[in-house]
N, C-alpha and C. Protein backbone atom coordinates (compact mmCIF):
# COMPACT_ATOMS: atom_id res chain seq x y z
N MET A 1 1.25 -1.16 0.14
CA MET A 1 0.23 -0.45 -0.58
C MET A 1 1.43 0.96 0.22
N ASN A 2 0.77 2.49 -1.32
CA ASN A 2 1.50 3.17 -0.98
C ASN A 2 0.90 4.55 -0.45
N VAL A 3 2.04 4.90 0.77
CA VAL A 3 1.61 6.07 1.37
C VAL A 3 2.44 7.57 1.26
N CYS A 4 1.49 8.13 1.64
CA CYS A 4 2.98 9.88 1.85
C CYS A 4 2.73 10.76 3.46
N LYS A 5 4.19 10.84 3.14
CA LYS A 5 4.44 11.61 4.35
C LYS A 5 4.89 13.24 4.59
N ARG A 6 4.81 13.91 5.30
CA ARG A 6 5.18 15.16 5.47
C ARG A 6 5.29 15.45 6.17
N VAL A 7 7.16 15.47 6.32
CA VAL A 7 8.45 15.40 7.03
C VAL A 7 9.03 17.03 7.77
N LEU A 8 7.95 17.84 8.77
CA LEU A 8 9.26 19.28 9.49
C LEU A 8 9.75 18.67 9.93
N TYR A 9 11.21 18.84 9.02
CA TYR A 9 12.28 18.79 11.11
C TYR A 9 13.23 20.21 11.10
N GLN A 10 13.21 20.29 12.55
CA GLN A 10 13.47 21.43 12.44
C GLN A 10 15.18 21.54 13.92
N GLY A 11 15.96 21.86 13.93
CA GLY A 11 16.82 22.55 14.38
C GLY A 11 18.86 22.76 13.84
N HIS A 12 19.63 22.86 13.93
CA HIS A 12 20.50 23.68 12.97
C HIS A 12 20.21 22.22 11.70
N VAL A 13 19.61 22.21 10.80
CA VAL A 13 19.11 22.12 9.83
C VAL A 13 19.75 22.01 8.34
N GLN A 14 19.05 23.10 8.27
CA GLN A 14 20.30 24.59 7.25
C GLN A 14 21.55 24.49 6.61
N GLY A 15 22.20 24.42 5.73
CA GLY A 15 23.72 24.64 6.01
C GLY A 15 24.35 23.77 6.51
N VAL A 16 23.74 22.32 6.44
CA VAL A 16 25.05 20.83 6.86
C VAL A 16 24.84 19.76 6.27
N GLY A 17 24.15 20.53 4.42
CA GLY A 17 23.99 19.29 3.94
C GLY A 17 22.67 18.43 4.21
N PHE A 18 21.99 19.03 4.45
CA PHE A 18 20.71 18.47 4.82
C PHE A 18 19.70 17.88 3.65
N ARG A 19 20.43 18.46 2.52
CA ARG A 19 19.29 18.22 1.78
C ARG A 19 19.72 17.20 0.45
N TYR A 20 20.97 17.53 0.15
CA TYR A 20 21.89 16.37 -0.59
C TYR A 20 22.27 14.80 0.29
N THR A 21 22.11 15.02 2.20
CA THR A 21 22.00 13.91 2.08
C THR A 21 20.58 13.02 2.28
N ALA A 22 19.39 13.64 2.20
CA ALA A 22 18.21 13.06 1.96
C ALA A 22 17.74 13.05 1.00
N TYR A 23 18.78 13.02 -0.23
CA TYR A 23 17.98 13.37 -1.52
C TYR A 23 19.16 12.25 -2.26
N GLY A 24 20.73 11.99 -1.11
CA GLY A 24 21.59 10.50 -1.90
C GLY A 24 20.75 9.48 -1.23
N LEU A 25 20.20 9.32 0.34
CA LEU A 25 19.21 8.25 0.89
C LEU A 25 18.48 7.43 0.25
N ALA A 26 17.74 8.72 -0.31
CA ALA A 26 15.69 8.21 -0.87
C ALA A 26 16.42 6.73 -2.74
N HIS A 27 17.82 7.83 -3.15
CA HIS A 27 17.88 6.64 -4.55
C HIS A 27 18.59 5.21 -3.46
N ARG A 28 18.41 4.91 -2.99
CA ARG A 28 19.24 3.75 -1.67
C ARG A 28 17.32 2.31 -1.63
N PHE A 29 16.46 4.10 -1.47
CA PHE A 29 14.34 3.62 -1.45
C PHE A 29 14.22 3.22 -2.46
N THR A 30 13.31 2.52 -2.42
CA THR A 30 12.00 2.70 -3.80
C THR A 30 11.24 3.68 -3.37
N VAL A 31 10.86 5.32 -3.36
CA VAL A 31 10.85 6.42 -2.64
C VAL A 31 10.72 7.04 -3.59
N ALA A 32 9.68 8.32 -3.72
CA ALA A 32 9.63 9.32 -4.19
C ALA A 32 8.83 11.29 -3.80
N GLY A 33 9.69 11.66 -4.22
CA GLY A 33 9.15 12.96 -3.63
C GLY A 33 10.16 14.00 -3.58
N TYR A 34 10.41 14.89 -2.26
CA TYR A 34 10.84 16.05 -2.38
C TYR A 34 11.20 16.49 -1.04
N VAL A 35 13.04 17.11 -0.79
CA VAL A 35 12.81 17.69 0.24
C VAL A 35 13.50 19.69 0.05
N LYS A 36 13.51 20.50 1.07
CA LYS A 36 13.05 21.00 0.71
C LYS A 36 13.57 22.45 2.11
N ASN A 37 14.58 23.85 1.78
CA ASN A 37 14.19 24.77 3.06
C ASN A 37 13.79 25.55 2.57
N LEU A 38 12.48 25.81 4.47
CA LEU A 38 12.39 26.16 4.83
C LEU A 38 12.07 27.32 4.74
N PRO A 39 11.48 28.83 4.65
CA PRO A 39 11.96 30.15 5.36
C PRO A 39 12.43 30.26 6.83
N ASP A 40 11.57 29.32 7.16
CA ASP A 40 11.81 29.79 9.33
C ASP A 40 12.78 29.22 9.53
N GLY A 41 13.84 27.95 8.82
CA GLY A 41 15.78 27.32 9.24
C GLY A 41 15.01 26.27 8.83
N SER A 42 13.64 26.19 9.09
CA SER A 42 13.33 24.29 9.08
C SER A 42 13.55 22.84 7.54
N VAL A 43 13.01 22.15 7.71
CA VAL A 43 13.21 21.96 6.05
C VAL A 43 12.22 20.87 6.30
N GLU A 44 11.36 21.48 5.43
CA GLU A 44 10.68 19.96 4.99
C GLU A 44 10.60 18.87 3.74
N LEU A 45 10.49 17.65 4.55
CA LEU A 45 11.16 16.56 3.90
C LEU A 45 9.79 15.72 3.24
N ALA A 46 8.71 15.61 1.29
CA ALA A 46 7.58 15.11 1.51
C ALA A 46 8.24 13.59 0.54
N VAL A 47 7.58 12.47 0.81
CA VAL A 47 8.21 11.30 0.57
C VAL A 47 6.53 9.86 0.16
N GLU A 48 6.77 9.93 -0.34
CA GLU A 48 5.97 8.68 -0.77
C GLU A 48 6.16 7.63 -1.66
N GLY A 49 5.84 6.19 -1.16
CA GLY A 49 5.82 4.91 -1.80
C GLY A 49 5.31 3.79 -0.54
N GLU A 50 5.83 2.20 -0.49
CA GLU A 50 5.05 1.33 -0.03
C GLU A 50 5.54 2.09 1.51
N SER A 51 3.95 1.56 2.50
CA SER A 51 4.77 2.37 3.79
C SER A 51 6.20 1.74 4.06
N GLY A 52 6.23 1.05 4.03
CA GLY A 52 7.46 -0.19 4.46
C GLY A 52 8.74 1.04 4.36
N GLU A 53 8.88 0.80 3.10
CA GLU A 53 9.95 1.59 2.14
C GLU A 53 9.80 2.74 2.89
N VAL A 54 8.37 3.85 3.08
CA VAL A 54 8.65 5.00 3.67
C VAL A 54 9.52 4.91 4.71
N ASP A 55 9.04 4.65 5.56
CA ASP A 55 8.92 3.62 6.88
C ASP A 55 11.36 3.51 7.64
N ARG A 56 11.66 3.21 6.38
CA ARG A 56 12.67 2.91 6.20
C ARG A 56 13.52 4.05 6.04
N PHE A 57 12.79 4.68 4.50
CA PHE A 57 14.01 5.50 4.96
C PHE A 57 14.32 6.85 5.41
N LEU A 58 12.42 7.14 5.89
CA LEU A 58 12.81 7.89 7.01
C LEU A 58 13.17 7.81 8.24
N GLU A 59 13.87 6.43 8.60
CA GLU A 59 14.52 6.11 9.64
C GLU A 59 15.95 6.23 8.99
N ALA A 60 16.43 5.85 8.11
CA ALA A 60 17.65 6.23 7.09
C ALA A 60 17.86 8.45 7.12
N VAL A 61 17.23 8.82 6.92
CA VAL A 61 17.44 10.17 7.48
C VAL A 61 17.58 10.39 8.59
N ALA A 62 16.79 10.23 9.80
CA ALA A 62 16.73 10.11 11.47
C ALA A 62 18.27 10.53 11.20
N ARG A 63 18.43 8.46 11.24
CA ARG A 63 19.88 8.12 11.60
C ARG A 63 21.10 8.96 11.29
N GLN A 64 21.03 9.53 10.19
CA GLN A 64 22.29 10.21 9.75
C GLN A 64 22.30 11.05 9.65
N LEU A 65 21.53 12.45 10.03
CA LEU A 65 21.35 13.87 10.39
C LEU A 65 20.74 13.98 11.82
N ALA A 66 20.69 12.34 12.89
CA ALA A 66 20.78 12.36 14.00
C ALA A 66 21.00 14.49 14.24
N GLU A 67 22.01 14.46 14.49
CA GLU A 67 23.02 15.53 15.36
C GLU A 67 22.30 16.78 14.89
N HIS A 68 21.76 16.34 14.02
CA HIS A 68 21.44 18.39 13.13
C HIS A 68 19.74 18.57 13.83
N ILE A 69 19.12 17.34 14.05
CA ILE A 69 17.27 17.31 14.27
C ILE A 69 16.80 17.68 15.72
N GLN A 70 17.00 18.46 15.80
CA GLN A 70 16.20 19.29 17.12
C GLN A 70 14.79 18.00 17.61
N SER A 71 13.87 18.78 17.18
CA SER A 71 11.77 17.72 16.58
C SER A 71 12.29 17.68 14.94
N ARG A 72 11.07 17.17 15.16
CA ARG A 72 10.17 16.61 13.86
C ARG A 72 8.78 16.08 13.66
N GLU A 73 7.55 17.05 12.97
CA GLU A 73 6.54 16.64 12.93
C GLU A 73 6.65 16.21 12.16
N GLU A 74 5.90 14.90 11.71
CA GLU A 74 5.21 13.66 10.69
C GLU A 74 4.54 13.62 10.14
N HIS A 75 3.92 13.95 9.08
CA HIS A 75 2.15 13.81 8.94
C HIS A 75 1.54 12.45 7.12
N GLU A 76 0.73 12.70 8.15
CA GLU A 76 0.49 11.61 6.78
C GLU A 76 -0.75 12.45 5.60
N GLN A 77 -0.41 12.52 4.67
CA GLN A 77 -1.05 13.13 3.82
C GLN A 77 -2.00 12.94 2.58
N PRO A 78 -2.73 13.07 1.49
CA PRO A 78 -3.14 11.66 0.25
C PRO A 78 -1.83 12.23 -0.78
N ALA A 79 -1.61 10.43 -1.83
CA ALA A 79 -0.44 10.49 -2.23
C ALA A 79 -0.38 11.45 -3.22
N HIS A 80 0.52 11.73 -4.24
CA HIS A 80 0.64 13.10 -4.98
C HIS A 80 0.94 12.40 -6.45
N GLY A 81 2.14 11.27 -6.22
CA GLY A 81 2.21 10.42 -7.16
C GLY A 81 3.14 10.87 -8.01
N PHE A 82 4.29 11.98 -7.52
CA PHE A 82 5.53 12.10 -7.53
C PHE A 82 6.64 10.73 -8.17
N ALA A 83 6.89 11.12 -8.96
CA ALA A 83 8.02 11.13 -9.91
C ALA A 83 9.66 10.65 -9.77
N LYS A 84 9.64 11.17 -9.19
CA LYS A 84 10.92 11.36 -8.78
C LYS A 84 11.32 11.84 -7.55
N PHE A 85 12.15 11.64 -7.25
CA PHE A 85 12.71 12.12 -5.20
C PHE A 85 13.90 13.39 -6.21
N GLU A 86 13.62 14.60 -5.38
CA GLU A 86 14.56 15.74 -5.86
C GLU A 86 14.56 16.77 -4.55
N ILE A 87 15.59 17.80 -4.83
CA ILE A 87 15.56 19.32 -3.69
C ILE A 87 15.06 19.93 -4.56
N ARG A 88 14.08 20.73 -3.98
CA ARG A 88 13.29 22.08 -4.56
C ARG A 88 13.92 23.15 -3.37
N MET A 89 13.82 23.92 -3.75
CA MET A 89 14.88 25.51 -4.05
C MET A 89 13.57 26.38 -3.57
């Protein structure tokens, strides 16, 4: 079953390679979506795919970037039909 999750990461998450790390990790999983910086200093990540694959990807992001993440908010949302995973500006 495909799911879509939107996650907001707060902390020291901009200027540390967060987007590029998430982008690189995404290519290890069968997921699509995007990652982008927000004006308030947080990072938004939207990802969709098979439920277990999305969860494994988000766990990998959390492990890899744990020292920069102070908190995160995760919400499920309707699937958008993303074709690939990309960095948005």
